[in-house]
Every structure is written in C-alpha cells, then in structure tokens.
Amino acid sequence: MDHQTEIELQAAAFRRLQKHLMEERLDVQNIDLMNLAGFCRNCLSRWYKEAALDKGIDMDDAQAREIFYGMPYAEWKAKHQTEAGADKQAAFQKAFAENVTKS
C-alpha cells in the first residue's frame, strides 16, 4: 500500500470513529470513555489540535473541539452530557492522571 492511500484510510477510519461517537453513541459519556479506554472525545479533539499545530496551523482547544463536536463544546455538553456520580468522577481522576499529559 502506498503512503497516500494509507493516510486516506487512516483519515476515513478517524471520520468513522467520530461519526460513531457523535451520532450513534451519544449515550456513552466522555467520562465513561475515559474511565474505560483512557481517552474521550475531548482527547480526540486535542489530538486533532496537536496535529494541526505540528503542521503549523494555529488552533486552540475551543476551535478543535468545535471542529470535532460539530458545534461549540458548551452547546454539545448542554445537549448530551449528564451528571456523573462520585464513583465515576473518582475513576476519571485516576484515568486522567494515567492517560492525559500536558502538551
């Protein structure tokens, strides 16, 4: 497989993951993703931003989240995010510390 085809397939897989998380599994909360898998929608948007910065494209977290979520993050949270109990919040603190590093 040539490099360009590999890049196109990776991009298609990313778009499919994004669609799955943003349209098909709105019931799965970011905190659940982080606690189980060590990443969430916000991580994906941050990785998008980091890729943009690597290419010399100026982008902040809010811009990356709006691109990933398809709307401002505050709007998405108001529409889809539910409150997490103390047990999930405690697990999140551990998962966040283990998986998210400052760029």
C-alpha atoms as a PDB file:
ATOM      1  CA  MET A   1       0.000   0.000   0.000  1.00  0.00           C
ATOM      2  CA  ASP A   2       1.342   3.429  -0.864  1.00  0.00           C
ATOM      3  CA  HIS A   3       1.705   6.141   1.765  1.00  0.00           C
ATOM      4  CA  GLN A   4      -1.064   8.385   0.405  1.00  0.00           C
ATOM      5  CA  THR A   5      -3.561   5.518   0.425  1.00  0.00           C
ATOM      6  CA  GLU A   6      -2.576   4.686   3.992  1.00  0.00           C
ATOM      7  CA  ILE A   7      -3.176   8.315   5.036  1.00  0.00           C
ATOM      8  CA  GLU A   8      -6.566   8.318   3.302  1.00  0.00           C
ATOM      9  CA  LEU A   9      -7.605   5.090   5.028  1.00  0.00           C
ATOM     10  CA  GLN A  10      -6.489   6.423   8.409  1.00  0.00           C
ATOM     11  CA  ALA A  11      -8.483   9.616   7.816  1.00  0.00           C
ATOM     12  CA  ALA A  12     -11.546   7.580   6.817  1.00  0.00           C
ATOM     13  CA  ALA A  13     -11.230   5.466   9.972  1.00  0.00           C
ATOM     14  CA  PHE A  14     -10.978   8.632  12.084  1.00  0.00           C
ATOM     15  CA  ARG A  15     -14.080  10.101  10.430  1.00  0.00           C
ATOM     16  CA  ARG A  16     -15.959   6.850  11.081  1.00  0.00           C
ATOM     17  CA  LEU A  17     -14.933   6.857  14.750  1.00  0.00           C
ATOM     18  CA  GLN A  18     -16.003  10.493  15.021  1.00  0.00           C
ATOM     19  CA  LYS A  19     -19.389   9.727  13.442  1.00  0.00           C
ATOM     20  CA  HIS A  20     -19.872   6.737  15.724  1.00  0.00           C
ATOM     21  CA  LEU A  21     -19.158   8.789  18.861  1.00  0.00           C
ATOM     22  CA  MET A  22     -21.024  11.916  17.746  1.00  0.00           C
ATOM     23  CA  GLU A  23     -24.113  10.389  16.133  1.00  0.00           C
ATOM     24  CA  GLU A  24     -24.538   6.757  17.061  1.00  0.00           C
ATOM     25  CA  ARG A  25     -23.354   6.553  20.683  1.00  0.00           C
ATOM     26  CA  LEU A  26     -24.416   9.779  22.314  1.00  0.00           C
ATOM     27  CA  ASP A  27     -25.399   7.620  25.294  1.00  0.00           C
ATOM     28  CA  VAL A  28     -21.733   6.951  26.015  1.00  0.00           C
ATOM     29  CA  GLN A  29     -20.439   9.813  28.121  1.00  0.00           C
ATOM     30  CA  ASN A  30     -16.895  11.172  27.856  1.00  0.00           C
ATOM     31  CA  ILE A  31     -16.268  10.150  31.458  1.00  0.00           C
ATOM     32  CA  ASP A  32     -17.235   6.554  30.584  1.00  0.00           C
ATOM     33  CA  LEU A  33     -14.851   6.555  27.621  1.00  0.00           C
ATOM     34  CA  MET A  34     -12.004   7.949  29.713  1.00  0.00           C
ATOM     35  CA  ASN A  35     -12.612   5.544  32.576  1.00  0.00           C
ATOM     36  CA  LEU A  36     -12.736   2.516  30.299  1.00  0.00           C
ATOM     37  CA  ALA A  37     -10.400   3.349  27.427  1.00  0.00           C
ATOM     38  CA  GLY A  38      -8.173   6.153  28.691  1.00  0.00           C
ATOM     39  CA  PHE A  39      -9.369   8.641  26.073  1.00  0.00           C
ATOM     40  CA  CYS A  40     -12.546  10.509  25.197  1.00  0.00           C
ATOM     41  CA  ARG A  41     -13.984  12.875  22.614  1.00  0.00           C
ATOM     42  CA  ASN A  42     -12.006  15.746  24.148  1.00  0.00           C
ATOM     43  CA  CYS A  43      -8.790  13.750  23.745  1.00  0.00           C
ATOM     44  CA  LEU A  44      -9.607  13.189  20.080  1.00  0.00           C
ATOM     45  CA  SER A  45     -10.178  16.907  19.587  1.00  0.00           C
ATOM     46  CA  ARG A  46      -6.914  17.652  21.415  1.00  0.00           C
ATOM     47  CA  TRP A  47      -5.043  15.198  19.185  1.00  0.00           C
ATOM     48  CA  TYR A  48      -6.607  16.938  16.177  1.00  0.00           C
ATOM     49  CA  LYS A  49      -5.322  20.276  17.506  1.00  0.00           C
ATOM     50  CA  GLU A  50      -1.864  18.834  18.114  1.00  0.00           C
ATOM     51  CA  ALA A  51      -1.759  17.532  14.534  1.00  0.00           C
ATOM     52  CA  ALA A  52      -2.758  20.981  13.270  1.00  0.00           C
ATOM     53  CA  LEU A  53      -0.048  22.642  15.353  1.00  0.00           C
ATOM     54  CA  ASP A  54       2.506  20.137  14.022  1.00  0.00           C
ATOM     55  CA  LYS A  55       1.547  21.319  10.519  1.00  0.00           C
ATOM     56  CA  GLY A  56       1.950  24.973  11.514  1.00  0.00           C
ATOM     57  CA  ILE A  57      -1.803  25.591  11.679  1.00  0.00           C
ATOM     58  CA  ASP A  58      -2.722  27.809  14.624  1.00  0.00           C
ATOM     59  CA  MET A  59      -5.575  26.204  16.580  1.00  0.00           C
ATOM     60  CA  ASP A  60      -6.707  26.303  20.194  1.00  0.00           C
ATOM     61  CA  ASP A  61      -8.722  23.793  22.214  1.00  0.00           C
ATOM     62  CA  ALA A  62     -12.029  25.577  21.614  1.00  0.00           C
ATOM     63  CA  GLN A  63     -11.531  25.586  17.847  1.00  0.00           C
ATOM     64  CA  ALA A  64     -10.522  21.925  17.789  1.00  0.00           C
ATOM     65  CA  ARG A  65     -13.495  20.929  19.923  1.00  0.00           C
ATOM     66  CA  GLU A  66     -15.906  22.833  17.701  1.00  0.00           C
ATOM     67  CA  ILE A  67     -14.477  21.065  14.648  1.00  0.00           C
ATOM     68  CA  PHE A  68     -14.699  17.647  16.323  1.00  0.00           C
ATOM     69  CA  TYR A  69     -18.078  18.133  18.007  1.00  0.00           C
ATOM     70  CA  GLY A  70     -19.617  19.993  15.063  1.00  0.00           C
ATOM     71  CA  MET A  71     -20.776  22.750  17.426  1.00  0.00           C
ATOM     72  CA  PRO A  72     -19.376  24.738  20.331  1.00  0.00           C
ATOM     73  CA  TYR A  73     -18.433  22.403  23.165  1.00  0.00           C
ATOM     74  CA  ALA A  74     -20.716  24.172  25.654  1.00  0.00           C
ATOM     75  CA  GLU A  75     -23.667  23.535  23.343  1.00  0.00           C
ATOM     76  CA  TRP A  76     -22.786  19.837  22.994  1.00  0.00           C
ATOM     77  CA  LYS A  77     -22.435  19.495  26.778  1.00  0.00           C
ATOM     78  CA  ALA A  78     -25.833  21.128  27.343  1.00  0.00           C
ATOM     79  CA  LYS A  79     -27.473  18.777  24.837  1.00  0.00           C
ATOM     80  CA  HIS A  80     -25.760  15.488  25.647  1.00  0.00           C
ATOM     81  CA  GLN A  81     -23.709  15.430  28.854  1.00  0.00           C
ATOM     82  CA  THR A  82     -25.207  14.031  32.031  1.00  0.00           C
ATOM     83  CA  GLU A  83     -24.040  14.367  35.619  1.00  0.00           C
ATOM     84  CA  ALA A  84     -21.536  11.784  36.785  1.00  0.00           C
ATOM     85  CA  GLY A  85     -21.664  10.252  40.227  1.00  0.00           C
ATOM     86  CA  ALA A  86     -18.824  10.417  42.724  1.00  0.00           C
ATOM     87  CA  ASP A  87     -17.633   6.916  41.780  1.00  0.00           C
ATOM     88  CA  LYS A  88     -17.254   7.846  38.102  1.00  0.00           C
ATOM     89  CA  GLN A  89     -15.584  11.135  38.996  1.00  0.00           C
ATOM     90  CA  ALA A  90     -13.035   9.363  41.200  1.00  0.00           C
ATOM     91  CA  ALA A  91     -12.293   6.826  38.461  1.00  0.00           C
ATOM     92  CA  PHE A  92     -11.961   9.702  35.993  1.00  0.00           C
ATOM     93  CA  GLN A  93      -9.346  11.458  38.139  1.00  0.00           C
ATOM     94  CA  LYS A  94      -7.262   8.274  38.106  1.00  0.00           C
ATOM     95  CA  ALA A  95      -7.744   7.651  34.366  1.00  0.00           C
ATOM     96  CA  PHE A  96      -6.972  11.281  33.534  1.00  0.00           C
ATOM     97  CA  ALA A  97      -3.767  11.212  35.582  1.00  0.00           C
ATOM     98  CA  GLU A  98      -2.673   7.975  33.920  1.00  0.00           C
ATOM     99  CA  ASN A  99      -3.557   8.868  30.318  1.00  0.00           C
ATOM    100  CA  VAL A 100      -3.560  12.595  29.712  1.00  0.00           C
ATOM    101  CA  THR A 101      -0.342  14.533  29.630  1.00  0.00           C
ATOM    102  CA  LYS A 102       0.138  18.243  29.144  1.00  0.00           C
ATOM    103  CA  SER A 103       1.326  19.200  25.689  1.00  0.00           C
END
